[in-house]
Protein backbone atom coordinates (compact mmCIF):
# COMPACT_ATOMS: atom_id res chain seq x y z
CA UNK A 1 76.70 -82.41 -5.24
CA UNK A 2 76.43 -86.02 -4.43
CA UNK A 3 76.71 -87.28 -8.03
CA UNK A 4 79.93 -84.86 -8.49
CA UNK A 5 81.73 -86.13 -5.36
CA UNK A 6 81.04 -89.77 -6.18
CA UNK A 7 82.19 -89.27 -9.58
CA UNK A 8 85.53 -87.45 -8.35
CA UNK A 9 85.95 -90.12 -5.95
CA UNK A 10 85.55 -92.85 -8.78
CA UNK A 11 87.99 -91.12 -10.76
CA UNK A 12 90.63 -90.75 -7.81
CA UNK A 13 90.22 -94.49 -7.32
CA UNK A 14 91.46 -95.48 -10.55
CA UNK A 15 94.01 -92.48 -10.82
CA UNK A 16 92.42 -91.05 -13.80
CA UNK A 17 93.16 -94.19 -15.52
CA UNK A 18 96.88 -93.46 -15.05
CA UNK A 19 97.47 -91.02 -17.46
CA UNK A 20 101.45 -90.81 -17.94
CA UNK A 21 101.13 -87.07 -18.20
CA UNK A 22 99.75 -86.67 -14.27
CA UNK A 23 102.63 -86.94 -11.73
CA UNK A 24 102.68 -89.58 -9.13
CA UNK A 25 102.43 -86.69 -6.51
CA UNK A 26 99.06 -85.64 -7.66
CA UNK A 27 98.04 -89.38 -7.29
CA UNK A 28 99.32 -89.31 -3.69
CA UNK A 29 97.44 -86.18 -3.04
CA UNK A 30 94.25 -87.31 -4.37
CA UNK A 31 94.34 -90.66 -2.31
CA UNK A 32 94.83 -89.00 0.73
CA UNK A 33 92.07 -86.23 -0.14
CA UNK A 34 89.57 -89.38 -0.97
CA UNK A 35 90.81 -91.06 2.16
CA UNK A 36 89.70 -88.24 4.42
CA UNK A 37 86.38 -88.08 2.69
CA UNK A 38 85.88 -91.82 2.95
CA UNK A 39 87.08 -91.80 6.19
CA UNK A 40 84.65 -89.19 7.48
CA UNK A 41 81.80 -91.62 5.64
CA UNK A 42 82.86 -94.42 7.43
CA UNK A 43 82.83 -92.59 11.02
CA UNK A 44 79.39 -90.99 9.91
CA UNK A 45 78.00 -94.50 8.89
CA UNK A 46 79.50 -97.17 11.06
CA UNK A 47 76.80 -97.77 13.20
CA UNK A 48 73.95 -97.31 10.61
CA UNK A 49 71.73 -100.57 9.95
CA UNK A 50 72.03 -102.51 6.80
CA UNK A 51 75.49 -102.06 6.24
CA UNK A 52 76.12 -106.12 5.46
CA UNK A 53 79.72 -105.89 4.74
CA UNK A 54 80.96 -103.41 7.42
CA UNK A 55 82.52 -105.96 9.96
CA UNK A 56 84.52 -107.56 7.09
CA UNK A 57 85.61 -104.50 5.75
CA UNK A 58 86.80 -103.45 9.13
CA UNK A 59 88.88 -106.77 9.59
CA UNK A 60 90.39 -105.96 6.40
CA UNK A 61 91.51 -102.21 7.20
CA UNK A 62 92.62 -103.69 10.48
CA UNK A 63 95.04 -106.15 8.67
CA UNK A 64 96.25 -103.20 6.75
CA UNK A 65 97.18 -101.27 9.74
CA UNK A 66 98.86 -104.31 11.31
CA UNK A 67 100.64 -104.82 7.89
CA UNK A 68 102.10 -101.22 8.09
CA UNK A 69 103.63 -101.77 11.52
CA UNK A 70 105.03 -105.39 10.57
CA UNK A 71 106.77 -103.96 7.85
CA UNK A 72 108.15 -101.12 10.01
CA UNK A 73 109.37 -104.19 12.43
CA UNK A 74 110.70 -106.44 9.90
CA UNK A 75 112.31 -104.14 7.35
CA UNK A 76 112.52 -100.64 8.94
CA UNK A 77 110.37 -99.04 6.54
CA UNK A 78 108.91 -96.10 8.01
CA UNK A 79 105.25 -96.22 8.62
CA UNK A 80 104.36 -93.08 6.32
CA UNK A 81 105.95 -94.86 3.37
CA UNK A 82 103.79 -97.92 3.91
CA UNK A 83 100.67 -96.10 4.66
CA UNK A 84 101.35 -94.25 0.96
CA UNK A 85 101.86 -97.65 -0.93
CA UNK A 86 98.46 -98.96 0.21
CA UNK A 87 96.89 -95.61 -1.63
CA UNK A 88 94.50 -97.84 -3.75
CA UNK A 89 93.81 -100.36 -1.23
CA UNK A 90 91.93 -97.70 1.10
CA UNK A 91 89.39 -97.14 -1.65
CA UNK A 92 87.11 -100.14 -0.12
CA UNK A 93 85.96 -97.75 2.12
CA UNK A 94 83.99 -95.94 -0.72
CA UNK A 95 81.37 -98.32 0.54
CA UNK A 96 80.66 -96.30 3.21
CA UNK A 97 80.62 -92.98 1.39
CA UNK A 98 77.95 -94.89 -1.01
CA UNK A 99 75.91 -95.52 1.85
CA UNK A 100 76.14 -92.00 2.94
CA UNK A 101 75.29 -90.55 -0.49
CA UNK A 102 72.51 -92.65 -1.47
CA UNK A 103 73.24 -93.22 -4.70
CA UNK A 104 70.48 -95.14 -6.83
CA UNK A 105 70.79 -98.57 -8.56
CA UNK A 106 69.81 -97.04 -12.07
CA UNK A 107 72.62 -94.43 -11.87
CA UNK A 108 75.25 -97.00 -10.72
CA UNK A 109 74.48 -99.29 -13.39
CA UNK A 110 74.69 -96.50 -15.90
CA UNK A 111 78.23 -95.46 -14.52
CA UNK A 112 79.51 -98.87 -14.84
CA UNK A 113 78.45 -99.11 -18.37
CA UNK A 114 79.88 -95.77 -19.17
CA UNK A 115 83.11 -96.21 -17.50
CA UNK A 116 83.47 -99.73 -19.19
CA UNK A 117 83.11 -97.88 -22.58
CA UNK A 118 85.71 -95.39 -21.58
CA UNK A 119 88.21 -97.89 -20.38
CA UNK A 120 87.64 -99.97 -23.83
CA UNK A 121 88.22 -96.73 -25.83
CA UNK A 122 91.31 -95.60 -23.87
CA UNK A 123 92.49 -99.39 -24.07
CA UNK A 124 92.05 -99.12 -28.22
CA UNK A 125 94.19 -95.73 -28.09
CA UNK A 126 96.92 -97.27 -26.06
CA UNK A 127 96.91 -100.17 -28.44
CA UNK A 128 97.15 -97.93 -31.49
CA UNK A 129 99.74 -95.74 -29.81
CA UNK A 130 102.03 -98.70 -28.94
CA UNK A 131 104.70 -98.62 -28.19
CA UNK A 132 104.27 -94.86 -27.08
CA UNK A 133 102.95 -94.92 -23.35
CA UNK A 134 99.78 -92.48 -22.81
CA UNK A 135 98.60 -94.51 -19.81
CA UNK A 136 100.92 -96.02 -16.99
CA UNK A 137 100.74 -99.80 -17.69
CA UNK A 138 103.22 -102.51 -18.72
CA UNK A 139 103.02 -103.24 -22.31
CA UNK A 140 104.52 -106.35 -24.08
CA UNK A 141 103.52 -107.79 -27.71
CA UNK A 142 102.90 -111.41 -26.82
CA UNK A 143 100.28 -114.05 -27.49
CA UNK A 144 99.01 -112.55 -30.93
CA UNK A 145 98.30 -109.34 -29.28
CA UNK A 146 99.43 -106.51 -27.29
CA UNK A 147 99.12 -107.43 -23.46
CA UNK A 148 98.37 -104.10 -21.30
CA UNK A 149 96.37 -103.31 -18.41
CA UNK A 150 94.86 -99.91 -17.70
CA UNK A 151 93.61 -98.89 -14.17
CA UNK A 152 89.69 -98.94 -14.34
CA UNK A 153 89.90 -102.59 -15.88
CA UNK A 154 87.26 -103.63 -13.16
CA UNK A 155 84.57 -101.79 -14.77
CA UNK A 156 85.06 -103.94 -18.14
CA UNK A 157 84.26 -107.41 -16.42
CA UNK A 158 81.60 -106.03 -14.22
CA UNK A 159 79.87 -104.25 -17.25
CA UNK A 160 80.07 -107.62 -19.20
CA UNK A 161 78.31 -109.36 -16.77
CA UNK A 162 75.54 -106.74 -16.04
CA UNK A 163 74.70 -106.53 -19.70
CA UNK A 164 74.94 -110.34 -20.21
CA UNK A 165 72.41 -110.51 -17.17
CA UNK A 166 70.30 -107.91 -18.69
CA UNK A 167 70.13 -109.69 -22.24
CA UNK A 168 69.24 -113.07 -20.32
CA UNK A 169 66.57 -111.56 -18.25
CA UNK A 170 64.96 -109.08 -21.03
CA UNK A 171 66.66 -110.33 -24.14
CA UNK A 172 67.31 -107.36 -25.95
CA UNK A 173 69.77 -107.23 -28.72
CA UNK A 174 71.04 -103.81 -27.69
CA UNK A 175 72.76 -105.33 -24.67
CA UNK A 176 74.17 -108.16 -26.88
CA UNK A 177 76.14 -105.77 -29.29
CA UNK A 178 77.93 -103.80 -26.35
CA UNK A 179 78.37 -107.14 -24.57
CA UNK A 180 80.20 -108.64 -27.64
CA UNK A 181 82.22 -105.19 -27.59
CA UNK A 182 83.54 -105.72 -24.20
CA UNK A 183 84.30 -109.24 -24.59
CA UNK A 184 86.34 -108.54 -27.56
CA UNK A 185 88.51 -105.70 -25.47
CA UNK A 186 89.00 -108.75 -22.63
CA UNK A 187 89.90 -111.30 -25.01
CA UNK A 188 92.55 -108.82 -26.94
CA UNK A 189 94.26 -108.47 -23.54
CA UNK A 190 95.61 -111.94 -23.88
CA UNK A 191 95.03 -112.74 -20.33
CA UNK A 192 94.22 -116.59 -20.19
CA UNK A 193 92.81 -116.72 -16.72
CA UNK A 194 90.27 -113.74 -17.18
CA UNK A 195 89.00 -114.83 -20.75
CA UNK A 196 88.49 -118.53 -19.73
CA UNK A 197 86.78 -117.53 -16.28
CA UNK A 198 84.51 -115.19 -18.17
CA UNK A 199 83.63 -117.73 -20.51
CA UNK A 200 83.12 -120.24 -17.58
CA UNK A 201 80.75 -117.94 -15.92
CA UNK A 202 79.16 -117.14 -19.19
CA UNK A 203 77.84 -120.53 -19.30
CA UNK A 204 76.82 -120.70 -15.91
CA UNK A 205 74.73 -117.66 -15.88
CA UNK A 206 73.19 -118.76 -19.27
CA UNK A 207 72.19 -122.32 -17.60
CA UNK A 208 71.04 -120.51 -14.56
CA UNK A 209 68.90 -117.70 -16.29
CA UNK A 210 67.67 -119.53 -19.43
CA UNK A 211 64.77 -122.02 -18.37
CA UNK A 212 64.17 -125.44 -20.44
CA UNK A 213 61.94 -124.57 -23.52
CA UNK A 214 61.81 -124.42 -27.12
CA UNK A 215 61.38 -120.65 -27.22
CA UNK A 216 64.48 -120.21 -25.29
CA UNK A 217 66.42 -122.23 -27.88
CA UNK A 218 67.06 -119.03 -30.34
CA UNK A 219 68.49 -117.12 -27.50
CA UNK A 220 71.13 -119.85 -26.63
CA UNK A 221 71.66 -120.41 -30.30
CA UNK A 222 72.18 -116.73 -30.71
CA UNK A 223 74.78 -116.36 -27.73
CA UNK A 224 76.71 -119.56 -29.09
CA UNK A 225 76.72 -118.09 -32.84
CA UNK A 226 77.96 -114.79 -31.51
CA UNK A 227 80.62 -116.38 -29.25
CA UNK A 228 81.85 -118.97 -32.14
CA UNK A 229 82.06 -115.61 -34.50
CA UNK A 230 84.14 -113.89 -32.09
CA UNK A 231 86.39 -117.15 -31.39
CA UNK A 232 86.92 -117.70 -35.13
CA UNK A 233 87.46 -114.38 -36.28
CA UNK A 234 91.07 -113.99 -37.71
CA UNK A 235 92.21 -111.42 -34.97
CA UNK A 236 90.72 -113.29 -32.03
CA UNK A 237 91.40 -116.82 -32.99
CA UNK A 238 95.08 -115.93 -32.98
CA UNK A 239 94.92 -114.91 -29.70
CA UNK A 240 93.21 -118.07 -28.07
CA UNK A 241 95.61 -120.32 -29.89
CA UNK A 242 98.63 -118.32 -28.51
CA UNK A 243 96.78 -118.70 -25.16
CA UNK A 244 96.32 -122.45 -25.19
CA UNK A 245 100.00 -122.95 -26.48
CA UNK A 246 101.30 -120.98 -23.53
CA UNK A 247 99.03 -123.08 -21.22
CA UNK A 248 100.43 -126.40 -22.89
CA UNK A 249 104.07 -125.36 -22.49
CA UNK A 250 103.85 -124.36 -19.05
CA UNK A 251 101.91 -127.56 -17.86
CA UNK A 252 104.91 -129.53 -19.59
CA UNK A 253 107.35 -127.56 -17.36
CA UNK A 254 105.95 -128.69 -14.23
CA UNK A 255 107.86 -127.70 -11.08
CA UNK A 256 110.04 -125.64 -13.45
CA UNK A 257 107.30 -123.39 -14.15
CA UNK A 258 107.85 -119.87 -13.09
CA UNK A 259 104.72 -119.62 -10.40
CA UNK A 260 105.79 -122.89 -9.02
CA UNK A 261 109.44 -121.54 -8.07
CA UNK A 262 107.85 -118.27 -7.17
CA UNK A 263 105.55 -120.10 -4.57
CA UNK A 264 108.38 -121.97 -3.10
CA UNK A 265 110.27 -118.63 -2.69
CA UNK A 266 107.64 -116.86 -0.78
CA UNK A 267 106.64 -119.60 1.48
CA UNK A 268 110.22 -120.96 2.26
CA UNK A 269 112.73 -117.90 1.61
CA UNK A 270 111.00 -114.77 2.00
CA UNK A 271 109.50 -115.22 5.43
CA UNK A 272 112.28 -114.20 7.78
CA UNK A 273 110.30 -115.13 10.98
CA UNK A 274 107.03 -116.80 11.69
CA UNK A 275 104.94 -113.67 11.96
CA UNK A 276 105.05 -113.33 8.23
CA UNK A 277 102.44 -116.01 8.14
CA UNK A 278 100.18 -114.03 10.10
CA UNK A 279 100.96 -110.12 9.82
CA UNK A 280 102.66 -110.27 6.74
CA UNK A 281 106.02 -109.29 5.20
CA UNK A 282 104.82 -105.88 3.99
CA UNK A 283 105.23 -103.79 0.68
CA UNK A 284 108.81 -102.13 0.50
CA UNK A 285 109.70 -99.71 -1.94
CA UNK A 286 112.34 -96.62 -2.41
CA UNK A 287 115.99 -97.16 -1.78
CA UNK A 288 115.80 -99.12 1.26
CA UNK A 289 118.07 -102.46 1.44
CA UNK A 290 114.72 -104.61 1.51
CA UNK A 291 113.13 -102.82 -1.58
CA UNK A 292 116.68 -103.50 -3.45
CA UNK A 293 116.43 -106.93 -2.30
CA UNK A 294 113.08 -107.51 -3.88
CA UNK A 295 113.74 -105.65 -6.94
CA UNK A 296 116.82 -107.73 -7.76
CA UNK A 297 114.71 -110.91 -7.04
CA UNK A 298 112.19 -109.68 -9.53
CA UNK A 299 114.46 -108.98 -12.08
CA UNK A 300 116.95 -111.97 -11.58
CA UNK A 301 114.38 -114.59 -11.22
CA UNK A 302 111.07 -113.11 -12.22
CA UNK A 303 109.43 -113.86 -8.89
CA UNK A 304 106.67 -111.24 -8.35
CA UNK A 305 104.53 -111.61 -5.37
CA UNK A 306 101.37 -110.25 -7.20
CA UNK A 307 101.45 -113.34 -9.70
CA UNK A 308 100.69 -115.36 -6.81
CA UNK A 309 97.39 -113.59 -6.32
CA UNK A 310 95.55 -114.53 -2.87
CA UNK A 311 98.22 -116.37 -1.75
CA UNK A 312 101.05 -113.67 -2.33
CA UNK A 313 98.36 -111.37 -0.78
CA UNK A 314 98.47 -113.41 2.48
CA UNK A 315 102.21 -113.83 2.80
CA UNK A 316 103.09 -110.12 1.88
CA UNK A 317 99.99 -108.13 3.35
CA UNK A 318 98.96 -110.49 5.97
CA UNK A 319 96.33 -113.14 6.90
CA UNK A 320 94.34 -110.58 8.71
CA UNK A 321 93.66 -108.30 5.68
CA UNK A 322 93.43 -111.64 3.68
CA UNK A 323 90.58 -112.68 5.91
CA UNK A 324 88.63 -109.36 5.78
CA UNK A 325 89.10 -109.65 1.94
CA UNK A 326 87.80 -113.09 1.56
CA UNK A 327 85.00 -112.58 4.02
CA UNK A 328 83.53 -109.89 2.14
CA UNK A 329 84.06 -111.63 -1.40
CA UNK A 330 82.47 -114.76 -0.29
CA UNK A 331 79.68 -113.30 1.57
CA UNK A 332 79.08 -111.39 -1.76
CA UNK A 333 78.94 -114.52 -3.93
CA UNK A 334 76.26 -116.27 -1.44
CA UNK A 335 74.13 -112.86 -1.07
CA UNK A 336 70.62 -113.65 -2.45
CA UNK A 337 69.83 -111.17 -5.27
CA UNK A 338 66.68 -111.09 -7.86
CA UNK A 339 67.30 -112.52 -11.38
CA UNK A 340 68.12 -109.03 -12.70
CA UNK A 341 70.92 -108.67 -10.43
CA UNK A 342 72.72 -111.91 -10.40
CA UNK A 343 75.82 -110.12 -12.10
CA UNK A 344 76.93 -108.92 -8.66
CA UNK A 345 77.30 -112.43 -7.36
CA UNK A 346 78.95 -113.30 -10.80
CA UNK A 347 81.47 -110.36 -10.64
CA UNK A 348 82.92 -111.62 -7.20
CA UNK A 349 83.00 -115.07 -8.20
CA UNK A 350 84.93 -114.21 -11.25
CA UNK A 351 87.33 -112.20 -8.93
CA UNK A 352 87.86 -115.30 -6.42
CA UNK A 353 88.39 -117.94 -9.48
CA UNK A 354 91.15 -115.79 -11.22
CA UNK A 355 92.71 -114.43 -8.31
CA UNK A 356 94.58 -117.51 -7.80
CA UNK A 357 96.90 -116.82 -10.30
CA UNK A 358 96.52 -112.90 -10.67
CA UNK A 359 96.19 -109.90 -8.47
CA UNK A 360 92.50 -108.99 -9.99
CA UNK A 361 90.62 -108.86 -6.61
CA UNK A 362 93.23 -106.27 -5.28
CA UNK A 363 94.67 -104.76 -8.38
CA UNK A 364 95.04 -100.85 -8.32
CA UNK A 365 91.65 -99.29 -9.28
CA UNK A 366 89.34 -102.42 -8.39
CA UNK A 367 88.35 -101.56 -4.68
CA UNK A 368 86.27 -98.79 -5.64
CA UNK A 369 84.42 -101.44 -7.99
CA UNK A 370 83.94 -103.69 -5.48
CA UNK A 371 82.70 -101.16 -2.94
CA UNK A 372 79.93 -100.42 -5.51
CA UNK A 373 79.01 -103.88 -5.92
CA UNK A 374 78.71 -104.52 -2.03
CA UNK A 375 76.90 -101.23 -1.86
CA UNK A 376 74.19 -102.57 -4.60
CA UNK A 377 73.74 -105.75 -2.71
CA UNK A 378 73.00 -103.96 0.44
CA UNK A 379 70.07 -101.75 -1.08
CA UNK A 380 68.47 -104.60 -2.66
CA UNK A 381 68.26 -106.18 0.93
CA UNK A 382 66.83 -102.59 2.08
CA UNK A 383 64.75 -102.67 -1.19
CA UNK A 384 63.32 -106.31 -0.10
CA UNK A 385 63.01 -105.21 3.68
CA UNK A 386 60.51 -102.29 2.88
CA UNK A 387 58.57 -104.28 0.15
CA UNK A 388 57.84 -106.95 3.30
CA UNK A 389 57.11 -104.53 6.20
């Protein structure tokens, strides 16, 4: 029963991968049902010992509530509308439900890999079906590939670091094959920040886990050969060349680069009063005047607050929620874990470094994945306490 509820909440968190055949009203309903279940878990587990990230999540959640009021005061948007717009943001409360369910580490890691495989299969299906939409996702043919993002992509990178971690610790080739498959899916997405951050952190993990010895040269050389093979294959090399070309072009544009102008807009024009810098302006949607204004700005100038990553989160969602988000993120990065669990640190490190130019750390569907990783850190601490007592 616990595992069935766990899978149900997980599917709700990624809105069943955003299948276009499912109405948005269904997602609003599953968000509400999930919030009720997770809220009950929060109330039940709030005072339990061993929840290292409880305070940070509470601060984050308080920030969301404050932002709902701020949006009502600044824009006159109904609090119910604002509450519904935050649907995917509430799934960080899944952390408390996991503590209530007491799901094992092995089961969670198996689920992470299975959901990453499912995401990869659905991604390939959507690429094959392009331009017909199977899943809710913006799709564009660009940089030598079809760029799209399906909900549930948070499992892909987490599974990548999990399998890399396993390979470096246990050196089993079966982990390397699936690892390479996940990297190809990530690379084919055409997202520069995500790809280069993954490559950078892969190198860091290799340095961290492979001791200096002749015996381990084979492992390092094998990884290097595999990555080189991926990079210079016809399909992936075209994607990488287009990524590099785009980066060089944007560097040459300097202040005219769209993100620079977007940053200027959201910090100098968007805030209507000083409260925006503390409580945020709030997400607006629907037929309100504010919503139509933002839609015009997006269509006319291409200024999207989510393109500013954490900075956009700060100015729109607010400093309080941003503080809570950064609190549990940095704490997760700095948490001490055994060698075979370093992937939990690296996953949040990845989210942090890519989220200055993307919305990865607060993208729809990612909060339940973050909750799983936070829970895994907690149960490792609990196991260590039991061993030492």
